Amino acid sequence: MKSLGVNELQMGLINSIGAALMILTSFVAGPITDKYGRRKTTLIFDLISWSLVMFIWAISQNFWFFLVAALLNSLHKISYTSWTCLAIEDTIEDKRVYFLA
């Protein structure tokens, strides 16, 4: 980022906005997953929050590209929630993955 002209203040702003949006998307992840289904939600939000974001980061030229990538990357909280529901609730008992907290 720095070599493309993004200064430290802008980098901090990108990280702060991204973190704030991750908190907000955590609250809406459940309702979105319930509305669209676990598999569909996982597919759509993984494509947006990982594949599309990697492409945007690869072609980034300035602060605005990095900001858009960070905003879209924050949507991964939605796909994480839907994937966790798939891994825990939508499998038969003997093949279920257990997460230790």
PDB file of N, CA and C in Angstrom:
ATOM      1  N   MET A   1       0.825  -1.185   0.000  1.00  0.00           N
ATOM      2  CA  MET A   1       0.000   0.000   0.000  1.00  0.00           C
ATOM      3  C   MET A   1       0.871   1.252   0.000  1.00  0.00           C
ATOM      4  N   LYS A   2       1.873   1.204   0.841  1.00  0.00           N
ATOM      5  CA  LYS A   2       2.731   2.382   0.977  1.00  0.00           C
ATOM      6  C   LYS A   2       3.428   2.718  -0.342  1.00  0.00           C
ATOM      7  N   SER A   3       3.846   1.693  -1.060  1.00  0.00           N
ATOM      8  CA  SER A   3       4.534   1.943  -2.330  1.00  0.00           C
ATOM      9  C   SER A   3       3.592   2.474  -3.401  1.00  0.00           C
ATOM     10  N   LEU A   4       2.275   2.355  -3.186  1.00  0.00           N
ATOM     11  CA  LEU A   4       1.296   2.882  -4.133  1.00  0.00           C
ATOM     12  C   LEU A   4       0.734   4.225  -3.690  1.00  0.00           C
ATOM     13  N   GLY A   5       1.348   4.840  -2.668  1.00  0.00           N
ATOM     14  CA  GLY A   5       0.976   6.189  -2.264  1.00  0.00           C
ATOM     15  C   GLY A   5      -0.014   6.288  -1.124  1.00  0.00           C
ATOM     16  N   VAL A   6      -0.324   5.176  -0.476  1.00  0.00           N
ATOM     17  CA  VAL A   6      -1.237   5.220   0.668  1.00  0.00           C
ATOM     18  C   VAL A   6      -0.404   5.498   1.919  1.00  0.00           C
ATOM     19  N   ASN A   7      -0.759   6.562   2.642  1.00  0.00           N
ATOM     20  CA  ASN A   7       0.025   6.907   3.831  1.00  0.00           C
ATOM     21  C   ASN A   7      -0.483   6.150   5.065  1.00  0.00           C
ATOM     22  N   GLU A   8       0.216   6.325   6.191  1.00  0.00           N
ATOM     23  CA  GLU A   8      -0.108   5.584   7.405  1.00  0.00           C
ATOM     24  C   GLU A   8      -1.505   5.913   7.933  1.00  0.00           C
ATOM     25  N   LEU A   9      -1.900   7.154   7.849  1.00  0.00           N
ATOM     26  CA  LEU A   9      -3.228   7.561   8.301  1.00  0.00           C
ATOM     27  C   LEU A   9      -4.309   6.863   7.475  1.00  0.00           C
ATOM     28  N   GLN A  10      -4.128   6.832   6.168  1.00  0.00           N
ATOM     29  CA  GLN A  10      -5.093   6.166   5.298  1.00  0.00           C
ATOM     30  C   GLN A  10      -5.133   4.657   5.553  1.00  0.00           C
ATOM     31  N   MET A  11      -3.969   4.041   5.812  1.00  0.00           N
ATOM     32  CA  MET A  11      -3.940   2.611   6.127  1.00  0.00           C
ATOM     33  C   MET A  11      -4.704   2.331   7.416  1.00  0.00           C
ATOM     34  N   GLY A  12      -4.523   3.185   8.406  1.00  0.00           N
ATOM     35  CA  GLY A  12      -5.260   3.029   9.651  1.00  0.00           C
ATOM     36  C   GLY A  12      -6.758   3.203   9.458  1.00  0.00           C
ATOM     37  N   LEU A  13      -7.134   4.144   8.606  1.00  0.00           N
ATOM     38  CA  LEU A  13      -8.544   4.367   8.309  1.00  0.00           C
ATOM     39  C   LEU A  13      -9.152   3.150   7.611  1.00  0.00           C
ATOM     40  N   ILE A  14      -8.432   2.580   6.668  1.00  0.00           N
ATOM     41  CA  ILE A  14      -8.897   1.374   5.963  1.00  0.00           C
ATOM     42  C   ILE A  14      -9.118   0.240   6.954  1.00  0.00           C
ATOM     43  N   ASN A  15      -8.150   0.019   7.836  1.00  0.00           N
ATOM     44  CA  ASN A  15      -8.277  -1.055   8.825  1.00  0.00           C
ATOM     45  C   ASN A  15      -9.408  -0.792   9.814  1.00  0.00           C
ATOM     46  N   SER A  16      -9.571   0.439  10.238  1.00  0.00           N
ATOM     47  CA  SER A  16     -10.628   0.770  11.203  1.00  0.00           C
ATOM     48  C   SER A  16     -12.014   0.618  10.596  1.00  0.00           C
ATOM     49  N   ILE A  17     -12.192   1.099   9.394  1.00  0.00           N
ATOM     50  CA  ILE A  17     -13.491   0.971   8.725  1.00  0.00           C
ATOM     51  C   ILE A  17     -13.798  -0.501   8.456  1.00  0.00           C
ATOM     52  N   GLY A  18     -12.789  -1.251   8.026  1.00  0.00           N
ATOM     53  CA  GLY A  18     -12.985  -2.685   7.795  1.00  0.00           C
ATOM     54  C   GLY A  18     -13.379  -3.425   9.064  1.00  0.00           C
ATOM     55  N   ALA A  19     -12.726  -3.111  10.170  1.00  0.00           N
ATOM     56  CA  ALA A  19     -13.045  -3.760  11.443  1.00  0.00           C
ATOM     57  C   ALA A  19     -14.451  -3.394  11.917  1.00  0.00           C
ATOM     58  N   ALA A  20     -14.834  -2.143  11.752  1.00  0.00           N
ATOM     59  CA  ALA A  20     -16.173  -1.713  12.151  1.00  0.00           C
ATOM     60  C   ALA A  20     -17.240  -2.423  11.319  1.00  0.00           C
ATOM     61  N   LEU A  21     -16.987  -2.565  10.035  1.00  0.00           N
ATOM     62  CA  LEU A  21     -17.955  -3.247   9.182  1.00  0.00           C
ATOM     63  C   LEU A  21     -18.031  -4.742   9.504  1.00  0.00           C
ATOM     64  N   MET A  22     -16.919  -5.334   9.936  1.00  0.00           N
ATOM     65  CA  MET A  22     -16.962  -6.744  10.354  1.00  0.00           C
ATOM     66  C   MET A  22     -17.890  -6.929  11.548  1.00  0.00           C
ATOM     67  N   ILE A  23     -17.889  -5.978  12.458  1.00  0.00           N
ATOM     68  CA  ILE A  23     -18.786  -6.051  13.612  1.00  0.00           C
ATOM     69  C   ILE A  23     -20.232  -5.969  13.146  1.00  0.00           C
ATOM     70  N   LEU A  24     -20.515  -5.049  12.244  1.00  0.00           N
ATOM     71  CA  LEU A  24     -21.884  -4.894  11.750  1.00  0.00           C
ATOM     72  C   LEU A  24     -22.346  -6.119  10.965  1.00  0.00           C
ATOM     73  N   THR A  25     -21.484  -6.675  10.135  1.00  0.00           N
ATOM     74  CA  THR A  25     -21.892  -7.843   9.348  1.00  0.00           C
ATOM     75  C   THR A  25     -22.068  -9.074  10.226  1.00  0.00           C
ATOM     76  N   SER A  26     -21.420  -9.110  11.373  1.00  0.00           N
ATOM     77  CA  SER A  26     -21.642 -10.217  12.300  1.00  0.00           C
ATOM     78  C   SER A  26     -23.084 -10.238  12.799  1.00  0.00           C
ATOM     79  N   PHE A  27     -23.672  -9.064  12.974  1.00  0.00           N
ATOM     80  CA  PHE A  27     -25.051  -8.983  13.448  1.00  0.00           C
ATOM     81  C   PHE A  27     -26.061  -9.396  12.385  1.00  0.00           C
ATOM     82  N   VAL A  28     -25.777  -9.161  11.129  1.00  0.00           N
ATOM     83  CA  VAL A  28     -26.733  -9.493  10.067  1.00  0.00           C
ATOM     84  C   VAL A  28     -26.458 -10.848   9.419  1.00  0.00           C
ATOM     85  N   ALA A  29     -25.395 -11.514   9.822  1.00  0.00           N
ATOM     86  CA  ALA A  29     -25.028 -12.790   9.206  1.00  0.00           C
ATOM     87  C   ALA A  29     -26.094 -13.857   9.412  1.00  0.00           C
ATOM     88  N   GLY A  30     -26.636 -13.952  10.600  1.00  0.00           N
ATOM     89  CA  GLY A  30     -27.665 -14.955  10.885  1.00  0.00           C
ATOM     90  C   GLY A  30     -28.925 -14.768  10.059  1.00  0.00           C
ATOM     91  N   PRO A  31     -29.511 -13.566  10.080  1.00  0.00           N
ATOM     92  CA  PRO A  31     -30.712 -13.351   9.263  1.00  0.00           C
ATOM     93  C   PRO A  31     -30.483 -13.554   7.761  1.00  0.00           C
ATOM     94  N   ILE A  32     -29.327 -13.151   7.262  1.00  0.00           N
ATOM     95  CA  ILE A  32     -29.029 -13.354   5.839  1.00  0.00           C
ATOM     96  C   ILE A  32     -28.914 -14.846   5.533  1.00  0.00           C
ATOM     97  N   THR A  33     -28.244 -15.574   6.415  1.00  0.00           N
ATOM     98  CA  THR A  33     -28.103 -17.023   6.231  1.00  0.00           C
ATOM     99  C   THR A  33     -29.462 -17.704   6.281  1.00  0.00           C
ATOM    100  N   ASP A  34     -30.310 -17.292   7.195  1.00  0.00           N
ATOM    101  CA  ASP A  34     -31.649 -17.878   7.286  1.00  0.00           C
ATOM    102  C   ASP A  34     -32.494 -17.577   6.050  1.00  0.00           C
ATOM    103  N   LYS A  35     -32.343 -16.380   5.518  1.00  0.00           N
ATOM    104  CA  LYS A  35     -33.168 -15.985   4.370  1.00  0.00           C
ATOM    105  C   LYS A  35     -32.755 -16.701   3.086  1.00  0.00           C
ATOM    106  N   TYR A  36     -31.456 -16.790   2.815  1.00  0.00           N
ATOM    107  CA  TYR A  36     -30.991 -17.325   1.535  1.00  0.00           C
ATOM    108  C   TYR A  36     -30.524 -18.775   1.603  1.00  0.00           C
ATOM    109  N   GLY A  37     -30.388 -19.319   2.781  1.00  0.00           N
ATOM    110  CA  GLY A  37     -29.912 -20.687   2.922  1.00  0.00           C
ATOM    111  C   GLY A  37     -28.410 -20.717   3.149  1.00  0.00           C
ATOM    112  N   ARG A  38     -27.958 -21.787   3.781  1.00  0.00           N
ATOM    113  CA  ARG A  38     -26.557 -21.874   4.179  1.00  0.00           C
ATOM    114  C   ARG A  38     -25.623 -22.046   2.996  1.00  0.00           C
ATOM    115  N   ARG A  39     -25.954 -22.926   2.084  1.00  0.00           N
ATOM    116  CA  ARG A  39     -25.067 -23.181   0.937  1.00  0.00           C
ATOM    117  C   ARG A  39     -24.979 -21.977   0.003  1.00  0.00           C
ATOM    118  N   LYS A  40     -26.129 -21.404  -0.310  1.00  0.00           N
ATOM    119  CA  LYS A  40     -26.154 -20.251  -1.218  1.00  0.00           C
ATOM    120  C   LYS A  40     -25.427 -19.052  -0.606  1.00  0.00           C
ATOM    121  N   THR A  41     -25.667 -18.806   0.680  1.00  0.00           N
ATOM    122  CA  THR A  41     -25.004 -17.697   1.369  1.00  0.00           C
ATOM    123  C   THR A  41     -23.494 -17.905   1.391  1.00  0.00           C
ATOM    124  N   THR A  42     -23.070 -19.132   1.698  1.00  0.00           N
ATOM    125  CA  THR A  42     -21.632 -19.421   1.729  1.00  0.00           C
ATOM    126  C   THR A  42     -21.014 -19.188   0.363  1.00  0.00           C
ATOM    127  N   LEU A  43     -21.647 -19.673  -0.681  1.00  0.00           N
ATOM    128  CA  LEU A  43     -21.107 -19.504  -2.036  1.00  0.00           C
ATOM    129  C   LEU A  43     -21.011 -18.032  -2.427  1.00  0.00           C
ATOM    130  N   ILE A  44     -22.102 -17.314  -2.293  1.00  0.00           N
ATOM    131  CA  ILE A  44     -22.134 -15.910  -2.740  1.00  0.00           C
ATOM    132  C   ILE A  44     -21.148 -15.048  -1.961  1.00  0.00           C
ATOM    133  N   PHE A  45     -21.186 -15.146  -0.631  1.00  0.00           N
ATOM    134  CA  PHE A  45     -20.344 -14.259   0.162  1.00  0.00           C
ATOM    135  C   PHE A  45     -18.878 -14.687   0.159  1.00  0.00           C
ATOM    136  N   ASP A  46     -18.588 -15.967  -0.058  1.00  0.00           N
ATOM    137  CA  ASP A  46     -17.188 -16.370  -0.247  1.00  0.00           C
ATOM    138  C   ASP A  46     -16.645 -15.828  -1.560  1.00  0.00           C
ATOM    139  N   LEU A  47     -17.438 -15.891  -2.615  1.00  0.00           N
ATOM    140  CA  LEU A  47     -16.985 -15.338  -3.901  1.00  0.00           C
ATOM    141  C   LEU A  47     -16.728 -13.842  -3.802  1.00  0.00           C
ATOM    142  N   ILE A  48     -17.617 -13.139  -3.109  1.00  0.00           N
ATOM    143  CA  ILE A  48     -17.443 -11.686  -2.968  1.00  0.00           C
ATOM    144  C   ILE A  48     -16.287 -11.362  -2.029  1.00  0.00           C
ATOM    145  N   SER A  49     -16.286 -11.960  -0.837  1.00  0.00           N
ATOM    146  CA  SER A  49     -15.344 -11.538   0.196  1.00  0.00           C
ATOM    147  C   SER A  49     -13.950 -12.123   0.058  1.00  0.00           C
ATOM    148  N   TRP A  50     -13.748 -13.089  -0.828  1.00  0.00           N
ATOM    149  CA  TRP A  50     -12.409 -13.630  -1.026  1.00  0.00           C
ATOM    150  C   TRP A  50     -11.962 -13.496  -2.481  1.00  0.00           C
ATOM    151  N   SER A  51     -12.671 -14.099  -3.394  1.00  0.00           N
ATOM    152  CA  SER A  51     -12.225 -14.092  -4.795  1.00  0.00           C
ATOM    153  C   SER A  51     -12.212 -12.690  -5.389  1.00  0.00           C
ATOM    154  N   LEU A  52     -13.317 -11.989  -5.266  1.00  0.00           N
ATOM    155  CA  LEU A  52     -13.390 -10.632  -5.808  1.00  0.00           C
ATOM    156  C   LEU A  52     -12.406  -9.702  -5.102  1.00  0.00           C
ATOM    157  N   VAL A  53     -12.283  -9.847  -3.801  1.00  0.00           N
ATOM    158  CA  VAL A  53     -11.367  -8.999  -3.026  1.00  0.00           C
ATOM    159  C   VAL A  53      -9.922  -9.213  -3.456  1.00  0.00           C
ATOM    160  N   MET A  54      -9.530 -10.452  -3.673  1.00  0.00           N
ATOM    161  CA  MET A  54      -8.156 -10.721  -4.113  1.00  0.00           C
ATOM    162  C   MET A  54      -7.876 -10.068  -5.463  1.00  0.00           C
ATOM    163  N   PHE A  55      -8.870 -10.103  -6.340  1.00  0.00           N
ATOM    164  CA  PHE A  55      -8.706  -9.441  -7.638  1.00  0.00           C
ATOM    165  C   PHE A  55      -8.564  -7.935  -7.465  1.00  0.00           C
ATOM    166  N   ILE A  56      -9.390  -7.343  -6.619  1.00  0.00           N
ATOM    167  CA  ILE A  56      -9.312  -5.892  -6.394  1.00  0.00           C
ATOM    168  C   ILE A  56      -7.970  -5.519  -5.788  1.00  0.00           C
ATOM    169  N   TRP A  57      -7.506  -6.295  -4.801  1.00  0.00           N
ATOM    170  CA  TRP A  57      -6.193  -6.003  -4.219  1.00  0.00           C
ATOM    171  C   TRP A  57      -5.087  -6.140  -5.267  1.00  0.00           C
ATOM    172  N   ALA A  58      -5.220  -7.073  -6.172  1.00  0.00           N
ATOM    173  CA  ALA A  58      -4.193  -7.279  -7.201  1.00  0.00           C
ATOM    174  C   ALA A  58      -4.100  -6.101  -8.168  1.00  0.00           C
ATOM    175  N   ILE A  59      -5.233  -5.436  -8.413  1.00  0.00           N
ATOM    176  CA  ILE A  59      -5.215  -4.317  -9.360  1.00  0.00           C
ATOM    177  C   ILE A  59      -5.242  -2.956  -8.672  1.00  0.00           C
ATOM    178  N   SER A  60      -5.140  -2.938  -7.352  1.00  0.00           N
ATOM    179  CA  SER A  60      -5.240  -1.682  -6.604  1.00  0.00           C
ATOM    180  C   SER A  60      -4.190  -0.679  -7.051  1.00  0.00           C
ATOM    181  N   GLN A  61      -4.637   0.554  -7.165  1.00  0.00           N
ATOM    182  CA  GLN A  61      -3.775   1.650  -7.593  1.00  0.00           C
ATOM    183  C   GLN A  61      -3.661   2.763  -6.548  1.00  0.00           C
ATOM    184  N   ASN A  62      -4.668   2.862  -5.680  1.00  0.00           N
ATOM    185  CA  ASN A  62      -4.665   3.963  -4.715  1.00  0.00           C
ATOM    186  C   ASN A  62      -5.524   3.620  -3.499  1.00  0.00           C
ATOM    187  N   PHE A  63      -5.720   4.588  -2.632  1.00  0.00           N
ATOM    188  CA  PHE A  63      -6.486   4.435  -1.396  1.00  0.00           C
ATOM    189  C   PHE A  63      -7.876   3.867  -1.639  1.00  0.00           C
ATOM    190  N   TRP A  64      -8.570   4.356  -2.658  1.00  0.00           N
ATOM    191  CA  TRP A  64      -9.961   3.960  -2.897  1.00  0.00           C
ATOM    192  C   TRP A  64     -10.095   2.482  -3.258  1.00  0.00           C
ATOM    193  N   PHE A  65      -9.169   1.955  -4.030  1.00  0.00           N
ATOM    194  CA  PHE A  65      -9.186   0.526  -4.346  1.00  0.00           C
ATOM    195  C   PHE A  65      -9.021  -0.298  -3.071  1.00  0.00           C
ATOM    196  N   PHE A  66      -8.067   0.091  -2.242  1.00  0.00           N
ATOM    197  CA  PHE A  66      -7.822  -0.632  -0.998  1.00  0.00           C
ATOM    198  C   PHE A  66      -9.020  -0.538  -0.049  1.00  0.00           C
ATOM    199  N   LEU A  67      -9.673   0.609  -0.008  1.00  0.00           N
ATOM    200  CA  LEU A  67     -10.834   0.779   0.843  1.00  0.00           C
ATOM    201  C   LEU A  67     -11.987  -0.115   0.384  1.00  0.00           C
ATOM    202  N   VAL A  68     -12.249  -0.145  -0.902  1.00  0.00           N
ATOM    203  CA  VAL A  68     -13.310  -1.017  -1.435  1.00  0.00           C
ATOM    204  C   VAL A  68     -12.995  -2.478  -1.135  1.00  0.00           C
ATOM    205  N   ALA A  69     -11.746  -2.876  -1.316  1.00  0.00           N
ATOM    206  CA  ALA A  69     -11.355  -4.259  -1.026  1.00  0.00           C
ATOM    207  C   ALA A  69     -11.556  -4.589   0.447  1.00  0.00           C
ATOM    208  N   ALA A  70     -11.195  -3.680   1.331  1.00  0.00           N
ATOM    209  CA  ALA A  70     -11.363  -3.917   2.763  1.00  0.00           C
ATOM    210  C   ALA A  70     -12.844  -3.992   3.139  1.00  0.00           C
ATOM    211  N   LEU A  71     -13.663  -3.146   2.527  1.00  0.00           N
ATOM    212  CA  LEU A  71     -15.095  -3.181   2.803  1.00  0.00           C
ATOM    213  C   LEU A  71     -15.707  -4.505   2.357  1.00  0.00           C
ATOM    214  N   LEU A  72     -15.367  -4.942   1.159  1.00  0.00           N
ATOM    215  CA  LEU A  72     -15.892  -6.214   0.664  1.00  0.00           C
ATOM    216  C   LEU A  72     -15.340  -7.395   1.456  1.00  0.00           C
ATOM    217  N   ASN A  73     -14.091  -7.304   1.888  1.00  0.00           N
ATOM    218  CA  ASN A  73     -13.500  -8.371   2.677  1.00  0.00           C
ATOM    219  C   ASN A  73     -14.192  -8.519   4.028  1.00  0.00           C
ATOM    220  N   SER A  74     -14.771  -7.461   4.529  1.00  0.00           N
ATOM    221  CA  SER A  74     -15.483  -7.512   5.803  1.00  0.00           C
ATOM    222  C   SER A  74     -16.729  -8.385   5.728  1.00  0.00           C
ATOM    223  N   LEU A  75     -17.205  -8.663   4.540  1.00  0.00           N
ATOM    224  CA  LEU A  75     -18.382  -9.518   4.373  1.00  0.00           C
ATOM    225  C   LEU A  75     -18.078 -10.988   4.654  1.00  0.00           C
ATOM    226  N   HIS A  76     -16.811 -11.324   4.874  1.00  0.00           N
ATOM    227  CA  HIS A  76     -16.478 -12.724   5.135  1.00  0.00           C
ATOM    228  C   HIS A  76     -17.090 -13.225   6.447  1.00  0.00           C
ATOM    229  N   LYS A  77     -17.476 -12.338   7.322  1.00  0.00           N
ATOM    230  CA  LYS A  77     -18.149 -12.756   8.561  1.00  0.00           C
ATOM    231  C   LYS A  77     -19.475 -13.449   8.244  1.00  0.00           C
ATOM    232  N   ILE A  78     -20.122 -13.031   7.173  1.00  0.00           N
ATOM    233  CA  ILE A  78     -21.384 -13.653   6.774  1.00  0.00           C
ATOM    234  C   ILE A  78     -21.137 -15.073   6.276  1.00  0.00           C
ATOM    235  N   SER A  79     -20.144 -15.236   5.421  1.00  0.00           N
ATOM    236  CA  SER A  79     -19.865 -16.584   4.920  1.00  0.00           C
ATOM    237  C   SER A  79     -19.317 -17.482   6.022  1.00  0.00           C
ATOM    238  N   TYR A  80     -18.607 -16.931   6.978  1.00  0.00           N
ATOM    239  CA  TYR A  80     -18.106 -17.733   8.090  1.00  0.00           C
ATOM    240  C   TYR A  80     -19.258 -18.283   8.921  1.00  0.00           C
ATOM    241  N   THR A  81     -20.248 -17.447   9.176  1.00  0.00           N
ATOM    242  CA  THR A  81     -21.411 -17.892   9.940  1.00  0.00           C
ATOM    243  C   THR A  81     -22.161 -18.985   9.198  1.00  0.00           C
ATOM    244  N   SER A  82     -22.411 -18.789   7.911  1.00  0.00           N
ATOM    245  CA  SER A  82     -23.152 -19.793   7.148  1.00  0.00           C
ATOM    246  C   SER A  82     -22.352 -21.083   7.009  1.00  0.00           C
ATOM    247  N   TRP A  83     -21.040 -20.973   6.842  1.00  0.00           N
ATOM    248  CA  TRP A  83     -20.210 -22.184   6.741  1.00  0.00           C
ATOM    249  C   TRP A  83     -20.197 -22.947   8.062  1.00  0.00           C
ATOM    250  N   THR A  84     -20.124 -22.238   9.165  1.00  0.00           N
ATOM    251  CA  THR A  84     -20.142 -22.890  10.465  1.00  0.00           C
ATOM    252  C   THR A  84     -21.459 -23.640  10.669  1.00  0.00           C
ATOM    253  N   CYS A  85     -22.567 -23.043  10.262  1.00  0.00           N
ATOM    254  CA  CYS A  85     -23.853 -23.740  10.348  1.00  0.00           C
ATOM    255  C   CYS A  85     -23.854 -24.985   9.473  1.00  0.00           C
ATOM    256  N   LEU A  86     -23.270 -24.895   8.285  1.00  0.00           N
ATOM    257  CA  LEU A  86     -23.173 -26.069   7.413  1.00  0.00           C
ATOM    258  C   LEU A  86     -22.343 -27.162   8.062  1.00  0.00           C
ATOM    259  N   ALA A  87     -21.220 -26.791   8.614  1.00  0.00           N
ATOM    260  CA  ALA A  87     -20.292 -27.777   9.169  1.00  0.00           C
ATOM    261  C   ALA A  87     -20.833 -28.439  10.430  1.00  0.00           C
ATOM    262  N   ILE A  88     -21.640 -27.729  11.193  1.00  0.00           N
ATOM    263  CA  ILE A  88     -22.105 -28.268  12.462  1.00  0.00           C
ATOM    264  C   ILE A  88     -23.519 -28.844  12.368  1.00  0.00           C
ATOM    265  N   GLU A  89     -24.431 -28.108  11.800  1.00  0.00           N
ATOM    266  CA  GLU A  89     -25.832 -28.497  11.866  1.00  0.00           C
ATOM    267  C   GLU A  89     -26.329 -29.324  10.686  1.00  0.00           C
ATOM    268  N   ASP A  90     -25.738 -29.167   9.523  1.00  0.00           N
ATOM    269  CA  ASP A  90     -26.259 -29.830   8.331  1.00  0.00           C
ATOM    270  C   ASP A  90     -25.552 -31.132   7.985  1.00  0.00           C
ATOM    271  N   THR A  91     -24.885 -31.727   8.935  1.00  0.00           N
ATOM    272  CA  THR A  91     -24.230 -33.008   8.678  1.00  0.00           C
ATOM    273  C   THR A  91     -24.798 -34.058   9.622  1.00  0.00           C
ATOM    274  N   ILE A  92     -24.677 -35.305   9.204  1.00  0.00           N
ATOM    275  CA  ILE A  92     -25.149 -36.368  10.073  1.00  0.00           C
ATOM    276  C   ILE A  92     -24.218 -36.493  11.279  1.00  0.00           C
ATOM    277  N   GLU A  93     -24.759 -37.014  12.356  1.00  0.00           N
ATOM    278  CA  GLU A  93     -24.069 -37.014  13.651  1.00  0.00           C
ATOM    279  C   GLU A  93     -22.673 -37.617  13.613  1.00  0.00           C
ATOM    280  N   ASP A  94     -22.489 -38.756  12.961  1.00  0.00           N
ATOM    281  CA  ASP A  94     -21.185 -39.420  12.992  1.00  0.00           C
ATOM    282  C   ASP A  94     -20.149 -38.765  12.083  1.00  0.00           C
ATOM    283  N   LYS A  95     -20.550 -37.852  11.222  1.00  0.00           N
ATOM    284  CA  LYS A  95     -19.605 -37.141  10.349  1.00  0.00           C
ATOM    285  C   LYS A  95     -19.458 -35.679  10.726  1.00  0.00           C
ATOM    286  N   ARG A  96     -20.057 -35.283  11.812  1.00  0.00           N
ATOM    287  CA  ARG A  96     -20.082 -33.886  12.237  1.00  0.00           C
ATOM    288  C   ARG A  96     -18.733 -33.408  12.711  1.00  0.00           C
ATOM    289  N   VAL A  97     -18.388 -32.188  12.355  1.00  0.00           N
ATOM    290  CA  VAL A  97     -17.169 -31.542  12.805  1.00  0.00           C
ATOM    291  C   VAL A  97     -17.473 -30.845  14.122  1.00  0.00           C
ATOM    292  N   TYR A  98     -16.607 -31.027  15.104  1.00  0.00           N
ATOM    293  CA  TYR A  98     -16.817 -30.373  16.399  1.00  0.00           C
ATOM    294  C   TYR A  98     -15.798 -29.261  16.560  1.00  0.00           C
ATOM    295  N   PHE A  99     -16.269 -28.122  16.955  1.00  0.00           N
ATOM    296  CA  PHE A  99     -15.410 -26.967  17.185  1.00  0.00           C
ATOM    297  C   PHE A  99     -15.223 -26.809  18.690  1.00  0.00           C
ATOM    298  N   LEU A 100     -14.013 -26.740  19.120  1.00  0.00           N
ATOM    299  CA  LEU A 100     -13.718 -26.534  20.524  1.00  0.00           C
ATOM    300  C   LEU A 100     -13.457 -25.057  20.748  1.00  0.00           C
ATOM    301  N   ALA A 101     -14.143 -24.498  21.699  1.00  0.00           N
ATOM    302  CA  ALA A 101     -13.983 -23.076  21.967  1.00  0.00           C
ATOM    303  C   ALA A 101     -12.949 -22.850  23.034  1.00  0.00           C
TER     304      ALA A 101
END
